[in-house]
Amino acid sequence: MNNKKQIVDALRKRGNKVTPQRLVTIEVLLTFRQQHFSVEELFLGVKQRNPDVGMSTIYRTVQILEEMGLITKRNFDDGFARYELCELDEKHWHHHLICLKCGKVIEMQDDFLEALEKEIEEKKDFMIINHELKVYGYCSDCYAITKGVKFD
């Protein structure tokens, strides 16, 4: 599991500076542990702790952490880039259920594609490193509200 010390050690090992601004950014980022977050949400959280941190510092830190594989950029087809922390021991990305009505994103930790991956590797002589699955539909709240109504 990622923690502040692991991230700081990885940054130093890579040769990146670990400034007070970067430290507070990491601290706030870790508060989003089970959530998807935007750069803007991260920035607002950091500004509450240190008003002197600029947006460019946040963008640069996010870029570095993404390059290092410590966070992953996610696209839920709503026009906004979101990020999430990567687990260091995570074999595969987890999957997402995306509500077409309200935009809610529900994480699925189960990996239903292992058998399919094995079959693809054998039949297509292709080594799979990872996969990403997004399933679109309606969350229970939206489905319940519109039950019986035809969706567009």
C-alpha atoms as a PDB file:
ATOM      1  CA  MET A   1       0.000   0.000   0.000  1.00  0.00           C
ATOM      2  CA  ASN A   2       1.264   3.475  -0.823  1.00  0.00           C
ATOM      3  CA  ASN A   3       2.176   5.759   2.033  1.00  0.00           C
ATOM      4  CA  LYS A   4       3.964   9.074   2.311  1.00  0.00           C
ATOM      5  CA  LYS A   5       7.355   7.531   3.083  1.00  0.00           C
ATOM      6  CA  GLN A   6       7.194   5.145   0.106  1.00  0.00           C
ATOM      7  CA  ILE A   7       6.299   7.985  -2.267  1.00  0.00           C
ATOM      8  CA  VAL A   8       8.990  10.301  -0.863  1.00  0.00           C
ATOM      9  CA  ASP A   9      11.614   7.546  -1.061  1.00  0.00           C
ATOM     10  CA  ALA A  10      10.624   6.766  -4.666  1.00  0.00           C
ATOM     11  CA  LEU A  11      10.838  10.457  -5.623  1.00  0.00           C
ATOM     12  CA  ARG A  12      14.296  10.817  -4.063  1.00  0.00           C
ATOM     13  CA  LYS A  13      15.512   7.606  -5.695  1.00  0.00           C
ATOM     14  CA  ARG A  14      14.360   8.969  -9.048  1.00  0.00           C
ATOM     15  CA  GLY A  15      16.256  12.214  -8.386  1.00  0.00           C
ATOM     16  CA  ASN A  16      13.236  14.478  -7.867  1.00  0.00           C
ATOM     17  CA  LYS A  17      13.210  17.233  -5.274  1.00  0.00           C
ATOM     18  CA  VAL A  18      10.999  16.703  -2.246  1.00  0.00           C
ATOM     19  CA  THR A  19       9.990  20.261  -1.418  1.00  0.00           C
ATOM     20  CA  PRO A  20       7.553  21.342   1.318  1.00  0.00           C
ATOM     21  CA  GLN A  21       5.023  22.083  -1.463  1.00  0.00           C
ATOM     22  CA  ARG A  22       5.434  18.597  -2.908  1.00  0.00           C
ATOM     23  CA  LEU A  23       5.116  17.032   0.562  1.00  0.00           C
ATOM     24  CA  VAL A  24       1.802  18.759   1.263  1.00  0.00           C
ATOM     25  CA  THR A  25       0.595  17.718  -2.202  1.00  0.00           C
ATOM     26  CA  ILE A  26       1.438  14.087  -1.390  1.00  0.00           C
ATOM     27  CA  GLU A  27      -0.296  14.343   1.997  1.00  0.00           C
ATOM     28  CA  VAL A  28      -3.493  15.647   0.398  1.00  0.00           C
ATOM     29  CA  LEU A  29      -3.275  13.109  -2.420  1.00  0.00           C
ATOM     30  CA  LEU A  30      -3.197  10.318   0.164  1.00  0.00           C
ATOM     31  CA  THR A  31      -6.506  11.559   1.617  1.00  0.00           C
ATOM     32  CA  PHE A  32      -8.108  10.559  -1.716  1.00  0.00           C
ATOM     33  CA  ARG A  33      -7.055   6.947  -1.134  1.00  0.00           C
ATOM     34  CA  GLN A  34     -10.354   5.323  -2.191  1.00  0.00           C
ATOM     35  CA  GLN A  35     -11.558   8.060  -4.538  1.00  0.00           C
ATOM     36  CA  HIS A  36     -11.034   9.352  -8.034  1.00  0.00           C
ATOM     37  CA  PHE A  37      -9.829  12.939  -7.940  1.00  0.00           C
ATOM     38  CA  SER A  38      -9.181  15.743 -10.384  1.00  0.00           C
ATOM     39  CA  VAL A  39      -6.122  17.970 -10.386  1.00  0.00           C
ATOM     40  CA  GLU A  40      -8.448  20.823  -9.395  1.00  0.00           C
ATOM     41  CA  GLU A  41      -9.740  18.902  -6.357  1.00  0.00           C
ATOM     42  CA  LEU A  42      -6.172  18.122  -5.342  1.00  0.00           C
ATOM     43  CA  PHE A  43      -5.252  21.794  -5.775  1.00  0.00           C
ATOM     44  CA  LEU A  44      -8.152  22.945  -3.564  1.00  0.00           C
ATOM     45  CA  GLY A  45      -7.124  20.517  -0.835  1.00  0.00           C
ATOM     46  CA  VAL A  46      -3.508  21.643  -1.002  1.00  0.00           C
ATOM     47  CA  LYS A  47      -4.492  25.354  -0.959  1.00  0.00           C
ATOM     48  CA  GLN A  48      -6.336  24.800   2.334  1.00  0.00           C
ATOM     49  CA  ARG A  49      -3.111  23.579   3.915  1.00  0.00           C
ATOM     50  CA  ASN A  50      -0.637  25.815   2.101  1.00  0.00           C
ATOM     51  CA  PRO A  51      -2.016  28.814   0.172  1.00  0.00           C
ATOM     52  CA  ASP A  52       1.399  29.437  -1.422  1.00  0.00           C
ATOM     53  CA  VAL A  53       1.343  26.276  -3.569  1.00  0.00           C
ATOM     54  CA  GLY A  54       0.600  27.053  -7.210  1.00  0.00           C
ATOM     55  CA  MET A  55      -1.347  25.030  -9.732  1.00  0.00           C
ATOM     56  CA  SER A  56       1.816  24.414 -11.775  1.00  0.00           C
ATOM     57  CA  THR A  57       3.368  22.616  -8.779  1.00  0.00           C
ATOM     58  CA  ILE A  58       0.296  20.388  -8.538  1.00  0.00           C
ATOM     59  CA  TYR A  59       0.345  19.591 -12.272  1.00  0.00           C
ATOM     60  CA  ARG A  60       4.060  18.822 -12.206  1.00  0.00           C
ATOM     61  CA  THR A  61       3.755  16.580  -9.134  1.00  0.00           C
ATOM     62  CA  VAL A  62       0.814  14.710 -10.682  1.00  0.00           C
ATOM     63  CA  GLN A  63       2.798  14.259 -13.907  1.00  0.00           C
ATOM     64  CA  ILE A  64       5.812  12.879 -12.041  1.00  0.00           C
ATOM     65  CA  LEU A  65       3.726  10.511  -9.911  1.00  0.00           C
ATOM     66  CA  GLU A  66       1.916   9.283 -13.010  1.00  0.00           C
ATOM     67  CA  GLU A  67       5.228   8.668 -14.820  1.00  0.00           C
ATOM     68  CA  MET A  68       6.373   6.685 -11.774  1.00  0.00           C
ATOM     69  CA  GLY A  69       3.217   4.558 -11.825  1.00  0.00           C
ATOM     70  CA  LEU A  70       2.106   5.735  -8.383  1.00  0.00           C
ATOM     71  CA  ILE A  71      -1.098   7.282  -9.688  1.00  0.00           C
ATOM     72  CA  THR A  72      -3.119   6.459 -12.780  1.00  0.00           C
ATOM     73  CA  LYS A  73      -5.060   8.812 -15.015  1.00  0.00           C
ATOM     74  CA  ARG A  74      -8.625   7.699 -15.644  1.00  0.00           C
ATOM     75  CA  ASN A  75     -11.040   8.789 -18.349  1.00  0.00           C
ATOM     76  CA  PHE A  76     -14.707   8.179 -17.658  1.00  0.00           C
ATOM     77  CA  ASP A  77     -15.812   9.800 -20.921  1.00  0.00           C
ATOM     78  CA  ASP A  78     -17.260  12.860 -19.198  1.00  0.00           C
ATOM     79  CA  GLY A  79     -14.659  15.372 -20.343  1.00  0.00           C
ATOM     80  CA  PHE A  80     -12.691  15.379 -17.076  1.00  0.00           C
ATOM     81  CA  ALA A  81      -9.407  13.682 -16.304  1.00  0.00           C
ATOM     82  CA  ARG A  82      -9.379  11.967 -12.939  1.00  0.00           C
ATOM     83  CA  TYR A  83      -6.649  10.161 -11.087  1.00  0.00           C
ATOM     84  CA  GLU A  84      -6.397   7.453  -8.488  1.00  0.00           C
ATOM     85  CA  LEU A  85      -3.663   6.011  -6.349  1.00  0.00           C
ATOM     86  CA  CYS A  86      -2.169   2.765  -7.563  1.00  0.00           C
ATOM     87  CA  GLU A  87      -1.610  -0.045  -5.140  1.00  0.00           C
ATOM     88  CA  LEU A  88       1.982  -1.207  -5.349  1.00  0.00           C
ATOM     89  CA  ASP A  89       0.923  -4.856  -5.227  1.00  0.00           C
ATOM     90  CA  GLU A  90      -1.975  -4.494  -7.656  1.00  0.00           C
ATOM     91  CA  LYS A  91      -1.730  -7.100 -10.429  1.00  0.00           C
ATOM     92  CA  HIS A  92      -4.380  -5.505 -12.636  1.00  0.00           C
ATOM     93  CA  TRP A  93      -6.270  -2.287 -12.709  1.00  0.00           C
ATOM     94  CA  HIS A  94      -9.688  -2.645 -11.219  1.00  0.00           C
ATOM     95  CA  HIS A  95     -12.792  -2.131 -13.310  1.00  0.00           C
ATOM     96  CA  HIS A  96     -15.364   0.658 -13.306  1.00  0.00           C
ATOM     97  CA  LEU A  97     -19.124   0.739 -13.658  1.00  0.00           C
ATOM     98  CA  ILE A  98     -20.205   4.130 -15.043  1.00  0.00           C
ATOM     99  CA  CYS A  99     -23.766   5.426 -14.769  1.00  0.00           C
ATOM    100  CA  LEU A 100     -24.911   7.038 -18.005  1.00  0.00           C
ATOM    101  CA  LYS A 101     -27.468   9.199 -16.188  1.00  0.00           C
ATOM    102  CA  CYS A 102     -25.701  10.688 -13.147  1.00  0.00           C
ATOM    103  CA  GLY A 103     -22.052   9.899 -13.971  1.00  0.00           C
ATOM    104  CA  LYS A 104     -21.455   7.938 -10.759  1.00  0.00           C
ATOM    105  CA  VAL A 105     -18.407   5.662 -10.950  1.00  0.00           C
ATOM    106  CA  ILE A 106     -18.477   2.403  -9.010  1.00  0.00           C
ATOM    107  CA  GLU A 107     -15.268   0.414  -8.615  1.00  0.00           C
ATOM    108  CA  MET A 108     -15.184  -3.342  -9.166  1.00  0.00           C
ATOM    109  CA  GLN A 109     -12.276  -5.108  -7.505  1.00  0.00           C
ATOM    110  CA  ASP A 110     -13.103  -8.539  -8.942  1.00  0.00           C
ATOM    111  CA  ASP A 111     -11.170  -9.572 -12.030  1.00  0.00           C
ATOM    112  CA  PHE A 112     -13.482 -11.506 -14.299  1.00  0.00           C
ATOM    113  CA  LEU A 113     -11.116 -11.439 -17.265  1.00  0.00           C
ATOM    114  CA  GLU A 114      -8.308 -13.764 -16.181  1.00  0.00           C
ATOM    115  CA  ALA A 115      -9.627 -16.700 -18.223  1.00  0.00           C
ATOM    116  CA  LEU A 116     -10.127 -14.447 -21.248  1.00  0.00           C
ATOM    117  CA  GLU A 117      -6.582 -13.087 -20.895  1.00  0.00           C
ATOM    118  CA  LYS A 118      -5.155 -16.609 -20.808  1.00  0.00           C
ATOM    119  CA  GLU A 119      -7.146 -17.566 -23.904  1.00  0.00           C
ATOM    120  CA  ILE A 120      -5.993 -14.444 -25.780  1.00  0.00           C
ATOM    121  CA  GLU A 121      -2.371 -15.077 -24.852  1.00  0.00           C
ATOM    122  CA  GLU A 122      -2.566 -18.671 -26.079  1.00  0.00           C
ATOM    123  CA  LYS A 123      -4.598 -18.118 -29.259  1.00  0.00           C
ATOM    124  CA  LYS A 124      -3.046 -14.835 -30.376  1.00  0.00           C
ATOM    125  CA  ASP A 125       0.508 -15.328 -29.060  1.00  0.00           C
ATOM    126  CA  PHE A 126       0.152 -12.014 -27.246  1.00  0.00           C
ATOM    127  CA  MET A 127       1.549 -11.214 -23.802  1.00  0.00           C
ATOM    128  CA  ILE A 128      -0.988  -9.171 -21.841  1.00  0.00           C
ATOM    129  CA  ILE A 129       0.425  -6.738 -19.306  1.00  0.00           C
ATOM    130  CA  ASN A 130      -2.820  -5.217 -18.106  1.00  0.00           C
ATOM    131  CA  HIS A 131      -6.344  -4.333 -19.163  1.00  0.00           C
ATOM    132  CA  GLU A 132      -8.985  -1.737 -18.391  1.00  0.00           C
ATOM    133  CA  LEU A 133     -12.699  -2.400 -18.373  1.00  0.00           C
ATOM    134  CA  LYS A 134     -15.445   0.232 -18.232  1.00  0.00           C
ATOM    135  CA  VAL A 135     -19.030  -0.981 -18.083  1.00  0.00           C
ATOM    136  CA  TYR A 136     -21.760   1.545 -18.894  1.00  0.00           C
ATOM    137  CA  GLY A 137     -25.293   1.362 -17.556  1.00  0.00           C
ATOM    138  CA  TYR A 138     -27.453   2.825 -14.799  1.00  0.00           C
ATOM    139  CA  CYS A 139     -26.708   2.825 -11.093  1.00  0.00           C
ATOM    140  CA  SER A 140     -29.357   1.562  -8.682  1.00  0.00           C
ATOM    141  CA  ASP A 141     -30.495   5.107  -7.804  1.00  0.00           C
ATOM    142  CA  CYS A 142     -30.997   6.180 -11.419  1.00  0.00           C
ATOM    143  CA  TYR A 143     -32.523   2.864 -12.410  1.00  0.00           C
ATOM    144  CA  ALA A 144     -34.979   3.013  -9.506  1.00  0.00           C
ATOM    145  CA  ILE A 145     -36.019   6.601 -10.322  1.00  0.00           C
ATOM    146  CA  THR A 146     -36.614   5.843 -13.974  1.00  0.00           C
ATOM    147  CA  LYS A 147     -37.808   2.250 -13.692  1.00  0.00           C
ATOM    148  CA  GLY A 148     -40.122   1.536 -16.536  1.00  0.00           C
ATOM    149  CA  VAL A 149     -39.014   4.654 -18.451  1.00  0.00           C
ATOM    150  CA  LYS A 150     -37.137   4.006 -21.678  1.00  0.00           C
ATOM    151  CA  PHE A 151     -33.594   5.445 -21.594  1.00  0.00           C
ATOM    152  CA  ASP A 152     -32.207   7.331 -24.576  1.00  0.00           C
END
